[in-house]
C-alpha atoms as a PDB file:
ATOM      1  CA  MET A   1    -127.988  31.342 -84.576  1.00  0.00           C
ATOM      2  CA  THR A   2    -131.068  30.365 -86.589  1.00  0.00           C
ATOM      3  CA  THR A   3    -130.163  28.063 -89.480  1.00  0.00           C
ATOM      4  CA  GLN A   4    -131.825  28.016 -92.888  1.00  0.00           C
ATOM      5  CA  GLN A   5    -133.349  24.647 -92.043  1.00  0.00           C
ATOM      6  CA  GLN A   6    -134.916  26.039 -88.855  1.00  0.00           C
ATOM      7  CA  ILE A   7    -136.397  28.905 -90.852  1.00  0.00           C
ATOM      8  CA  LEU A   8    -137.834  26.521 -93.448  1.00  0.00           C
ATOM      9  CA  ASP A   9    -139.294  24.350 -90.693  1.00  0.00           C
ATOM     10  CA  TYR A  10    -140.975  27.423 -89.161  1.00  0.00           C
ATOM     11  CA  TYR A  11    -142.809  28.115 -92.421  1.00  0.00           C
ATOM     12  CA  ARG A  12    -143.502  24.442 -93.154  1.00  0.00           C
ATOM     13  CA  HIS A  13    -146.237  23.931 -90.549  1.00  0.00           C
ATOM     14  CA  PRO A  14    -149.793  25.339 -90.361  1.00  0.00           C
ATOM     15  CA  ALA A  15    -150.308  28.185 -87.903  1.00  0.00           C
ATOM     16  CA  VAL A  16    -153.317  29.938 -86.411  1.00  0.00           C
ATOM     17  CA  MET A  17    -154.751  31.271 -89.695  1.00  0.00           C
ATOM     18  CA  THR A  18    -153.542  28.503 -92.022  1.00  0.00           C
ATOM     19  CA  SER A  19    -154.734  25.526 -89.976  1.00  0.00           C
ATOM     20  CA  GLY A  20    -157.189  23.379 -91.870  1.00  0.00           C
ATOM     21  CA  ASP A  21    -158.855  22.381 -88.588  1.00  0.00           C
ATOM     22  CA  LYS A  22    -161.445  19.668 -89.219  1.00  0.00           C
ATOM     23  CA  TYR A  23    -160.771  19.829 -92.964  1.00  0.00           C
ATOM     24  CA  ALA A  24    -157.028  19.142 -92.741  1.00  0.00           C
ATOM     25  CA  SER A  25    -157.384  15.476 -93.718  1.00  0.00           C
ATOM     26  CA  MET A  26    -159.034  16.547 -96.984  1.00  0.00           C
ATOM     27  CA  PHE A  27    -155.833  18.287 -98.037  1.00  0.00           C
ATOM     28  CA  ASN A  28    -154.158  14.886 -98.351  1.00  0.00           C
ATOM     29  CA  GLU A  29    -156.410  14.070-101.297  1.00  0.00           C
ATOM     30  CA  LEU A  30    -155.281  17.109-103.275  1.00  0.00           C
ATOM     31  CA  PRO A  31    -152.382  17.151-105.755  1.00  0.00           C
ATOM     32  CA  ASN A  32    -148.878  18.070-104.624  1.00  0.00           C
ATOM     33  CA  ASP A  33    -147.872  20.124-107.645  1.00  0.00           C
ATOM     34  CA  VAL A  34    -147.882  23.920-107.328  1.00  0.00           C
ATOM     35  CA  VAL A  35    -149.592  24.327-110.700  1.00  0.00           C
ATOM     36  CA  ASP A  36    -152.410  21.949-109.789  1.00  0.00           C
ATOM     37  CA  LEU A  37    -152.876  23.438-106.325  1.00  0.00           C
ATOM     38  CA  ALA A  38    -153.208  26.923-107.823  1.00  0.00           C
ATOM     39  CA  ARG A  39    -156.002  25.598-110.044  1.00  0.00           C
ATOM     40  CA  VAL A  40    -157.725  24.100-106.993  1.00  0.00           C
ATOM     41  CA  ILE A  41    -157.636  27.501-105.292  1.00  0.00           C
ATOM     42  CA  GLN A  42    -159.021  29.231-108.377  1.00  0.00           C
ATOM     43  CA  GLY A  43    -161.905  26.767-108.493  1.00  0.00           C
ATOM     44  CA  LEU A  44    -162.895  27.548-104.905  1.00  0.00           C
ATOM     45  CA  LEU A  45    -162.537  31.330-104.653  1.00  0.00           C
ATOM     46  CA  LEU A  46    -163.858  34.402-106.465  1.00  0.00           C
ATOM     47  CA  HIS A  47    -162.149  37.757-105.986  1.00  0.00           C
ATOM     48  CA  GLU A  48    -164.689  40.294-104.772  1.00  0.00           C
ATOM     49  CA  HIS A  49    -163.507  43.084-107.066  1.00  0.00           C
ATOM     50  CA  ALA A  50    -162.937  40.841-110.092  1.00  0.00           C
ATOM     51  CA  SER A  51    -166.457  39.372-110.097  1.00  0.00           C
ATOM     52  CA  PRO A  52    -167.610  41.488-113.102  1.00  0.00           C
ATOM     53  CA  LEU A  53    -164.972  39.740-115.243  1.00  0.00           C
ATOM     54  CA  TYR A  54    -166.887  36.504-114.601  1.00  0.00           C
ATOM     55  CA  GLY A  55    -170.348  38.013-115.119  1.00  0.00           C
ATOM     56  CA  VAL A  56    -171.220  37.711-111.422  1.00  0.00           C
ATOM     57  CA  THR A  57    -173.094  40.378-109.465  1.00  0.00           C
ATOM     58  CA  LEU A  58    -172.514  39.984-105.743  1.00  0.00           C
ATOM     59  CA  THR A  59    -174.990  40.675-102.972  1.00  0.00           C
ATOM     60  CA  ASP A  60    -173.866  42.401 -99.784  1.00  0.00           C
ATOM     61  CA  GLU A  61    -174.244  39.069 -97.986  1.00  0.00           C
ATOM     62  CA  ARG A  62    -171.828  37.395-100.399  1.00  0.00           C
ATOM     63  CA  ARG A  63    -169.381  40.302-100.174  1.00  0.00           C
ATOM     64  CA  SER A  64    -169.283  39.859 -96.412  1.00  0.00           C
ATOM     65  CA  GLU A  65    -167.371  36.586 -96.939  1.00  0.00           C
ATOM     66  CA  SER A  66    -164.280  38.714 -97.560  1.00  0.00           C
ATOM     67  CA  HIS A  67    -164.141  39.358 -93.798  1.00  0.00           C
ATOM     68  CA  LEU A  68    -163.516  35.695 -92.917  1.00  0.00           C
ATOM     69  CA  ARG A  69    -160.061  35.434 -91.385  1.00  0.00           C
ATOM     70  CA  SER A  70    -158.999  31.819 -90.930  1.00  0.00           C
ATOM     71  CA  VAL A  71    -158.827  28.938 -93.393  1.00  0.00           C
ATOM     72  CA  GLY A  72    -161.162  26.966 -91.137  1.00  0.00           C
ATOM     73  CA  GLN A  73    -163.796  29.714 -91.345  1.00  0.00           C
ATOM     74  CA  MET A  74    -163.292  29.994 -95.085  1.00  0.00           C
ATOM     75  CA  LEU A  75    -163.807  26.282 -95.642  1.00  0.00           C
ATOM     76  CA  ASP A  76    -166.896  26.253 -93.435  1.00  0.00           C
ATOM     77  CA  ARG A  77    -168.407  28.693 -95.907  1.00  0.00           C
ATOM     78  CA  VAL A  78    -167.019  26.900 -98.980  1.00  0.00           C
ATOM     79  CA  PHE A  79    -168.840  23.705 -97.997  1.00  0.00           C
ATOM     80  CA  ALA A  80    -171.981  25.558 -96.911  1.00  0.00           C
ATOM     81  CA  ILE A  81    -172.244  26.899-100.466  1.00  0.00           C
ATOM     82  CA  ASP A  82    -171.239  23.685-102.265  1.00  0.00           C
ATOM     83  CA  GLY A  83    -170.536  20.332-100.629  1.00  0.00           C
ATOM     84  CA  HIS A  84    -168.380  18.809-103.362  1.00  0.00           C
ATOM     85  CA  PRO A  85    -164.777  17.784-102.583  1.00  0.00           C
ATOM     86  CA  LEU A  86    -162.164  20.526-102.639  1.00  0.00           C
ATOM     87  CA  SER A  87    -160.766  19.180-105.909  1.00  0.00           C
ATOM     88  CA  VAL A  88    -164.016  19.998-107.721  1.00  0.00           C
ATOM     89  CA  ALA A  89    -164.084  23.478-109.248  1.00  0.00           C
ATOM     90  CA  ARG A  90    -167.234  25.363-108.292  1.00  0.00           C
ATOM     91  CA  PRO A  91    -169.339  27.391-110.723  1.00  0.00           C
ATOM     92  CA  VAL A  92    -168.189  30.995-110.385  1.00  0.00           C
ATOM     93  CA  ASN A  93    -171.356  32.043-108.558  1.00  0.00           C
ATOM     94  CA  ALA A  94    -170.846  29.232-106.008  1.00  0.00           C
ATOM     95  CA  ARG A  95    -167.285  30.131-105.027  1.00  0.00           C
ATOM     96  CA  LEU A  96    -166.240  31.721-101.755  1.00  0.00           C
ATOM     97  CA  VAL A  97    -165.896  35.475-102.146  1.00  0.00           C
ATOM     98  CA  GLY A  98    -162.605  36.892-100.943  1.00  0.00           C
ATOM     99  CA  VAL A  99    -159.698  39.120-101.891  1.00  0.00           C
ATOM    100  CA  CYS A 100    -156.042  38.486-102.707  1.00  0.00           C
ATOM    101  CA  ARG A 101    -155.262  37.670 -99.086  1.00  0.00           C
ATOM    102  CA  HIS A 102    -157.769  34.774 -99.111  1.00  0.00           C
ATOM    103  CA  PHE A 103    -156.229  33.237-102.238  1.00  0.00           C
ATOM    104  CA  THR A 104    -152.810  33.603-100.623  1.00  0.00           C
ATOM    105  CA  LEU A 105    -153.889  32.189 -97.270  1.00  0.00           C
ATOM    106  CA  LEU A 106    -155.601  29.091 -98.652  1.00  0.00           C
ATOM    107  CA  PHE A 107    -152.718  28.430-101.050  1.00  0.00           C
ATOM    108  CA  ALA A 108    -150.266  28.710 -98.154  1.00  0.00           C
ATOM    109  CA  ALA A 109    -152.393  26.330 -96.093  1.00  0.00           C
ATOM    110  CA  LEU A 110    -152.423  23.702 -98.845  1.00  0.00           C
ATOM    111  CA  LEU A 111    -148.689  23.974 -99.494  1.00  0.00           C
ATOM    112  CA  ARG A 112    -147.879  23.733 -95.790  1.00  0.00           C
ATOM    113  CA  ALA A 113    -150.103  20.664 -95.550  1.00  0.00           C
ATOM    114  CA  LYS A 114    -147.848  19.154 -98.223  1.00  0.00           C
ATOM    115  CA  GLY A 115    -144.760  20.023 -96.169  1.00  0.00           C
ATOM    116  CA  VAL A 116    -143.680  22.935 -98.366  1.00  0.00           C
ATOM    117  CA  PRO A 117    -142.320  26.008 -96.518  1.00  0.00           C
ATOM    118  CA  THR A 118    -144.645  28.874 -97.420  1.00  0.00           C
ATOM    119  CA  ARG A 119    -145.332  32.377 -96.164  1.00  0.00           C
ATOM    120  CA  ALA A 120    -147.728  35.153 -97.121  1.00  0.00           C
ATOM    121  CA  ARG A 121    -146.271  38.476 -98.224  1.00  0.00           C
ATOM    122  CA  CYS A 122    -148.046  41.812 -98.103  1.00  0.00           C
ATOM    123  CA  GLY A 123    -147.084  44.550-100.536  1.00  0.00           C
ATOM    124  CA  PHE A 124    -148.017  46.097-103.865  1.00  0.00           C
ATOM    125  CA  ALA A 125    -148.506  44.816-107.424  1.00  0.00           C
ATOM    126  CA  SER A 126    -147.807  46.779-110.596  1.00  0.00           C
ATOM    127  CA  TYR A 127    -150.003  44.674-112.895  1.00  0.00           C
ATOM    128  CA  PHE A 128    -153.503  45.864-112.015  1.00  0.00           C
ATOM    129  CA  LYS A 129    -153.220  49.445-113.259  1.00  0.00           C
ATOM    130  CA  PRO A 130    -150.320  50.806-115.327  1.00  0.00           C
ATOM    131  CA  GLY A 131    -148.237  53.301-113.401  1.00  0.00           C
ATOM    132  CA  HIS A 132    -149.665  52.279-110.020  1.00  0.00           C
ATOM    133  CA  PHE A 133    -148.757  49.771-107.330  1.00  0.00           C
ATOM    134  CA  TYR A 134    -151.938  48.271-105.893  1.00  0.00           C
ATOM    135  CA  ASP A 135    -152.315  46.909-102.382  1.00  0.00           C
ATOM    136  CA  HIS A 136    -151.864  43.155-102.795  1.00  0.00           C
ATOM    137  CA  TRP A 137    -150.841  39.831-101.231  1.00  0.00           C
ATOM    138  CA  VAL A 138    -149.001  36.873-102.751  1.00  0.00           C
ATOM    139  CA  CYS A 139    -147.521  33.604-101.527  1.00  0.00           C
ATOM    140  CA  GLU A 140    -143.813  32.999-101.204  1.00  0.00           C
ATOM    141  CA  TYR A 141    -142.874  29.319-101.208  1.00  0.00           C
ATOM    142  CA  TRP A 142    -139.509  27.577-100.977  1.00  0.00           C
ATOM    143  CA  ASN A 143    -138.596  25.863-104.240  1.00  0.00           C
ATOM    144  CA  ALA A 144    -136.287  23.131-102.984  1.00  0.00           C
ATOM    145  CA  VAL A 145    -135.032  22.205-106.461  1.00  0.00           C
ATOM    146  CA  GLN A 146    -133.933  25.757-107.212  1.00  0.00           C
ATOM    147  CA  ALA A 147    -133.114  26.561-103.555  1.00  0.00           C
ATOM    148  CA  ARG A 148    -134.942  29.892-103.614  1.00  0.00           C
ATOM    149  CA  TRP A 149    -138.126  31.595-102.473  1.00  0.00           C
ATOM    150  CA  VAL A 150    -140.681  32.059-105.279  1.00  0.00           C
ATOM    151  CA  PHE A 151    -143.644  34.455-105.427  1.00  0.00           C
ATOM    152  CA  VAL A 152    -146.971  32.943-106.558  1.00  0.00           C
ATOM    153  CA  ASP A 153    -150.089  34.963-107.312  1.00  0.00           C
ATOM    154  CA  ALA A 154    -152.712  32.251-106.973  1.00  0.00           C
ATOM    155  CA  GLN A 155    -155.637  34.499-107.905  1.00  0.00           C
ATOM    156  CA  LEU A 156    -154.442  35.094-111.490  1.00  0.00           C
ATOM    157  CA  ASP A 157    -156.403  32.490-113.429  1.00  0.00           C
ATOM    158  CA  ASP A 158    -156.828  32.524-117.212  1.00  0.00           C
ATOM    159  CA  VAL A 159    -159.678  35.049-117.031  1.00  0.00           C
ATOM    160  CA  GLN A 160    -157.666  37.567-115.042  1.00  0.00           C
ATOM    161  CA  ARG A 161    -154.452  36.949-116.949  1.00  0.00           C
ATOM    162  CA  THR A 162    -156.289  37.773-120.177  1.00  0.00           C
ATOM    163  CA  GLY A 163    -158.202  40.727-118.762  1.00  0.00           C
ATOM    164  CA  LEU A 164    -155.129  42.265-117.150  1.00  0.00           C
ATOM    165  CA  LYS A 165    -152.808  41.336-120.057  1.00  0.00           C
ATOM    166  CA  VAL A 166    -150.418  39.648-117.633  1.00  0.00           C
ATOM    167  CA  ASP A 167    -147.068  39.113-119.355  1.00  0.00           C
ATOM    168  CA  PHE A 168    -145.337  36.929-116.750  1.00  0.00           C
ATOM    169  CA  ASN A 169    -145.799  33.553-115.095  1.00  0.00           C
ATOM    170  CA  PRO A 170    -148.069  33.997-112.012  1.00  0.00           C
ATOM    171  CA  LEU A 171    -146.364  30.950-110.511  1.00  0.00           C
ATOM    172  CA  ASP A 172    -143.050  32.836-110.492  1.00  0.00           C
ATOM    173  CA  VAL A 173    -143.910  36.521-110.162  1.00  0.00           C
ATOM    174  CA  PRO A 174    -140.932  38.806-110.891  1.00  0.00           C
ATOM    175  CA  ARG A 175    -139.879  40.869-107.903  1.00  0.00           C
ATOM    176  CA  ASP A 176    -140.271  44.098-109.815  1.00  0.00           C
ATOM    177  CA  ARG A 177    -143.939  43.259-110.493  1.00  0.00           C
ATOM    178  CA  PHE A 178    -144.804  42.480-106.881  1.00  0.00           C
ATOM    179  CA  VAL A 179    -142.980  44.708-104.400  1.00  0.00           C
ATOM    180  CA  ILE A 180    -143.053  43.727-100.724  1.00  0.00           C
ATOM    181  CA  ALA A 181    -144.266  46.495 -98.434  1.00  0.00           C
ATOM    182  CA  GLY A 182    -140.857  47.186 -96.895  1.00  0.00           C
ATOM    183  CA  ASP A 183    -139.230  47.611-100.302  1.00  0.00           C
ATOM    184  CA  ALA A 184    -142.030  49.973-101.346  1.00  0.00           C
ATOM    185  CA  TRP A 185    -141.361  51.977 -98.184  1.00  0.00           C
ATOM    186  CA  THR A 186    -137.651  52.183 -98.923  1.00  0.00           C
ATOM    187  CA  ARG A 187    -138.259  53.238-102.530  1.00  0.00           C
ATOM    188  CA  CYS A 188    -140.468  56.091-101.400  1.00  0.00           C
ATOM    189  CA  ARG A 189    -138.163  57.152 -98.573  1.00  0.00           C
ATOM    190  CA  THR A 190    -135.190  57.359-100.950  1.00  0.00           C
ATOM    191  CA  GLY A 191    -137.120  59.208-103.633  1.00  0.00           C
ATOM    192  CA  GLU A 192    -137.158  56.291-106.086  1.00  0.00           C
ATOM    193  CA  GLY A 193    -140.916  55.890-105.679  1.00  0.00           C
ATOM    194  CA  ASP A 194    -143.935  58.187-105.432  1.00  0.00           C
ATOM    195  CA  PRO A 195    -145.990  57.355-102.297  1.00  0.00           C
ATOM    196  CA  SER A 196    -149.168  58.533-104.042  1.00  0.00           C
ATOM    197  CA  LYS A 197    -148.793  55.619-106.495  1.00  0.00           C
ATOM    198  CA  PHE A 198    -148.882  52.989-103.729  1.00  0.00           C
ATOM    199  CA  GLY A 199    -152.287  52.038-102.300  1.00  0.00           C
ATOM    200  CA  ILE A 200    -155.785  51.150-103.425  1.00  0.00           C
ATOM    201  CA  PHE A 201    -158.805  53.192-104.500  1.00  0.00           C
ATOM    202  CA  ASP A 202    -158.339  56.632-102.889  1.00  0.00           C
ATOM    203  CA  LEU A 203    -156.096  55.293-100.106  1.00  0.00           C
ATOM    204  CA  ASN A 204    -152.418  55.881-100.722  1.00  0.00           C
ATOM    205  CA  GLY A 205    -149.255  57.422 -99.334  1.00  0.00           C
ATOM    206  CA  LEU A 206    -146.569  56.673 -96.777  1.00  0.00           C
ATOM    207  CA  TRP A 207    -149.126  56.086 -94.037  1.00  0.00           C
ATOM    208  CA  PHE A 208    -150.730  53.327 -96.145  1.00  0.00           C
ATOM    209  CA  ILE A 209    -147.401  51.721 -97.028  1.00  0.00           C
ATOM    210  CA  ALA A 210    -146.455  51.738 -93.332  1.00  0.00           C
ATOM    211  CA  GLY A 211    -149.628  49.817 -92.500  1.00  0.00           C
ATOM    212  CA  ASN A 212    -148.689  47.145 -95.021  1.00  0.00           C
ATOM    213  CA  VAL A 213    -145.192  46.928 -93.541  1.00  0.00           C
ATOM    214  CA  VAL A 214    -146.786  46.009 -90.192  1.00  0.00           C
ATOM    215  CA  ARG A 215    -149.053  43.457 -91.893  1.00  0.00           C
ATOM    216  CA  ASP A 216    -146.045  41.929 -93.638  1.00  0.00           C
ATOM    217  CA  VAL A 217    -144.125  41.661 -90.349  1.00  0.00           C
ATOM    218  CA  ALA A 218    -147.110  39.871 -88.804  1.00  0.00           C
ATOM    219  CA  ALA A 219    -147.357  37.527 -91.814  1.00  0.00           C
ATOM    220  CA  LEU A 220    -143.652  36.722 -91.507  1.00  0.00           C
ATOM    221  CA  ASN A 221    -144.522  35.660 -87.962  1.00  0.00           C
ATOM    222  CA  ASN A 222    -147.302  33.414 -89.340  1.00  0.00           C
ATOM    223  CA  VAL A 223    -150.199  35.725 -88.453  1.00  0.00           C
ATOM    224  CA  GLU A 224    -151.860  36.709 -91.733  1.00  0.00           C
ATOM    225  CA  MET A 225    -154.499  39.369 -91.121  1.00  0.00           C
ATOM    226  CA  LEU A 226    -157.116  40.983 -93.339  1.00  0.00           C
ATOM    227  CA  PRO A 227    -155.794  43.802 -95.543  1.00  0.00           C
ATOM    228  CA  TRP A 228    -157.989  46.271 -93.656  1.00  0.00           C
ATOM    229  CA  ASP A 229    -157.279  45.098 -90.102  1.00  0.00           C
ATOM    230  CA  VAL A 230    -155.667  47.898 -88.110  1.00  0.00           C
ATOM    231  CA  TRP A 231    -153.644  47.648 -84.897  1.00  0.00           C
ATOM    232  CA  GLY A 232    -150.520  48.827 -83.127  1.00  0.00           C
ATOM    233  CA  ALA A 233    -148.107  51.076 -85.003  1.00  0.00           C
ATOM    234  CA  MET A 234    -150.263  51.471 -88.111  1.00  0.00           C
ATOM    235  CA  PRO A 235    -150.750  55.198 -88.829  1.00  0.00           C
ATOM    236  CA  GLN A 236    -154.144  56.796 -89.215  1.00  0.00           C
ATOM    237  CA  PRO A 237    -155.323  57.716 -92.740  1.00  0.00           C
ATOM    238  CA  ASN A 238    -153.271  60.600 -94.152  1.00  0.00           C
ATOM    239  CA  GLU A 239    -151.312  60.915 -90.913  1.00  0.00           C
ATOM    240  CA  GLN A 240    -148.076  62.888 -91.253  1.00  0.00           C
ATOM    241  CA  LEU A 241    -145.452  60.613 -89.763  1.00  0.00           C
ATOM    242  CA  LYS A 242    -143.028  61.940 -87.158  1.00  0.00           C
ATOM    243  CA  GLU A 243    -139.294  61.301 -87.226  1.00  0.00           C
ATOM    244  CA  ASP A 244    -139.433  58.473 -84.691  1.00  0.00           C
ATOM    245  CA  GLN A 245    -142.136  56.750 -86.753  1.00  0.00           C
ATOM    246  CA  LEU A 246    -140.130  57.133 -89.946  1.00  0.00           C
ATOM    247  CA  GLU A 247    -137.082  55.602 -88.266  1.00  0.00           C
ATOM    248  CA  PHE A 248    -139.167  52.721 -86.904  1.00  0.00           C
ATOM    249  CA  PHE A 249    -140.533  51.847 -90.346  1.00  0.00           C
ATOM    250  CA  ASP A 250    -137.092  52.308 -91.915  1.00  0.00           C
ATOM    251  CA  ARG A 251    -135.883  49.598 -89.571  1.00  0.00           C
ATOM    252  CA  LEU A 252    -138.781  47.265 -90.337  1.00  0.00           C
ATOM    253  CA  ALA A 253    -138.301  47.772 -94.075  1.00  0.00           C
ATOM    254  CA  ALA A 254    -134.647  46.808 -93.818  1.00  0.00           C
ATOM    255  CA  LEU A 255    -135.483  43.678 -91.834  1.00  0.00           C
ATOM    256  CA  THR A 256    -138.268  42.482 -94.135  1.00  0.00           C
ATOM    257  CA  HIS A 257    -136.138  42.986 -97.255  1.00  0.00           C
ATOM    258  CA  ALA A 258    -134.209  39.804 -96.434  1.00  0.00           C
ATOM    259  CA  PRO A 259    -136.360  38.072 -93.808  1.00  0.00           C
ATOM    260  CA  ASP A 260    -134.264  34.911 -93.601  1.00  0.00           C
ATOM    261  CA  ALA A 261    -131.146  36.879 -92.708  1.00  0.00           C
ATOM    262  CA  SER A 262    -133.185  38.942 -90.230  1.00  0.00           C
ATOM    263  CA  PHE A 263    -135.326  36.093 -88.904  1.00  0.00           C
ATOM    264  CA  PRO A 264    -134.172  36.135 -85.256  1.00  0.00           C
ATOM    265  CA  GLU A 265    -134.616  39.895 -84.990  1.00  0.00           C
ATOM    266  CA  LEU A 266    -137.969  39.898 -86.800  1.00  0.00           C
ATOM    267  CA  HIS A 267    -139.216  37.132 -84.535  1.00  0.00           C
ATOM    268  CA  ALA A 268    -138.037  38.907 -81.377  1.00  0.00           C
ATOM    269  CA  LEU A 269    -139.300  42.304 -82.515  1.00  0.00           C
ATOM    270  CA  TYR A 270    -142.778  40.874 -83.098  1.00  0.00           C
ATOM    271  CA  GLY A 271    -143.122  40.795 -79.300  1.00  0.00           C
ATOM    272  CA  ASP A 272    -143.361  44.602 -79.423  1.00  0.00           C
ATOM    273  CA  ASP A 273    -146.948  45.762 -78.824  1.00  0.00           C
ATOM    274  CA  ARG A 274    -146.635  48.025 -81.853  1.00  0.00           C
ATOM    275  CA  LEU A 275    -146.369  44.934 -84.065  1.00  0.00           C
ATOM    276  CA  ARG A 276    -147.934  41.950 -82.326  1.00  0.00           C
ATOM    277  CA  VAL A 277    -151.526  41.298 -83.357  1.00  0.00           C
ATOM    278  CA  PRO A 278    -153.723  41.801 -80.262  1.00  0.00           C
ATOM    279  CA  GLY A 279    -156.862  39.869 -79.371  1.00  0.00           C
ATOM    280  CA  THR A 280    -159.006  42.645 -80.851  1.00  0.00           C
ATOM    281  CA  VAL A 281    -158.241  44.611 -84.019  1.00  0.00           C
ATOM    282  CA  PHE A 282    -160.095  47.394 -85.827  1.00  0.00           C
ATOM    283  CA  ASN A 283    -161.824  46.391 -89.058  1.00  0.00           C
ATOM    284  CA  ALA A 284    -161.448  49.594 -91.088  1.00  0.00           C
ATOM    285  CA  VAL A 285    -163.952  48.501 -93.757  1.00  0.00           C
ATOM    286  CA  LEU A 286    -166.725  47.654 -91.300  1.00  0.00           C
ATOM    287  CA  ASN A 287    -165.585  50.488 -88.997  1.00  0.00           C
ATOM    288  CA  ARG A 288    -165.676  48.414 -85.836  1.00  0.00           C
ATOM    289  CA  PRO A 289    -163.397  46.511 -83.456  1.00  0.00           C
ATOM    290  CA  GLU A 290    -163.418  42.733 -83.857  1.00  0.00           C
ATOM    291  CA  LYS A 291    -162.080  39.880 -81.763  1.00  0.00           C
ATOM    292  CA  ILE A 292    -159.929  37.428 -83.684  1.00  0.00           C
END
């Protein structure tokens, strides 16, 4: 039987995407506090789709930074743009361009470097557009004092909090404001949710939610992929799911709802080719296969 301590230890150490590589020693110089680390992240990254809020117009070359997968690759680019220490906030036009997953990944990397159990979660947020649940990623870290997992949305700085009229603490996101992918799936399967309200841009529906369930399972196994990476059991756009597919995602949704209780099964199930991230995935934005 896997104990709670074993689970926390699993999420305490850097993995393939969250390894700082040659920059790992620099993490020691950063603060230990969650609040301060979130500010560090916000001073290094600029969300691709939020750039107009900061008065920044991005070139296609800068937008391409959103396709960087690992923390090591991200930091290579961070220092290529601006060589100051990580603790120094960059001007907005000199920050690495990414999306929610990049904020989440770098935050997870820094927390793990401090010995804090942390995992990325893929799902949907209700605070970007009223009445909709947008494709989104947040961090989930173990608060040892309170003995609970806490959601953190590291991308919500003061500019975004004001622009989006955020009415909660981004360092403790309520679980009805960010809904993990499996819970979104269950809501829609039971009729509590409308699948057309879950997605991003013109991409929505059960097929989209199912893709995020797979991404969340991979993240719970410490493999945090791009939001548009496609592999394995992920349905095609607008695919009508068959009964065996529905049952498969029902099972995954149940397991990811309480991942600590389901940890052994989630870990074993990740060996299934429908879930395990292969050496090559399909980048749906660039419309091409890519080695990882």
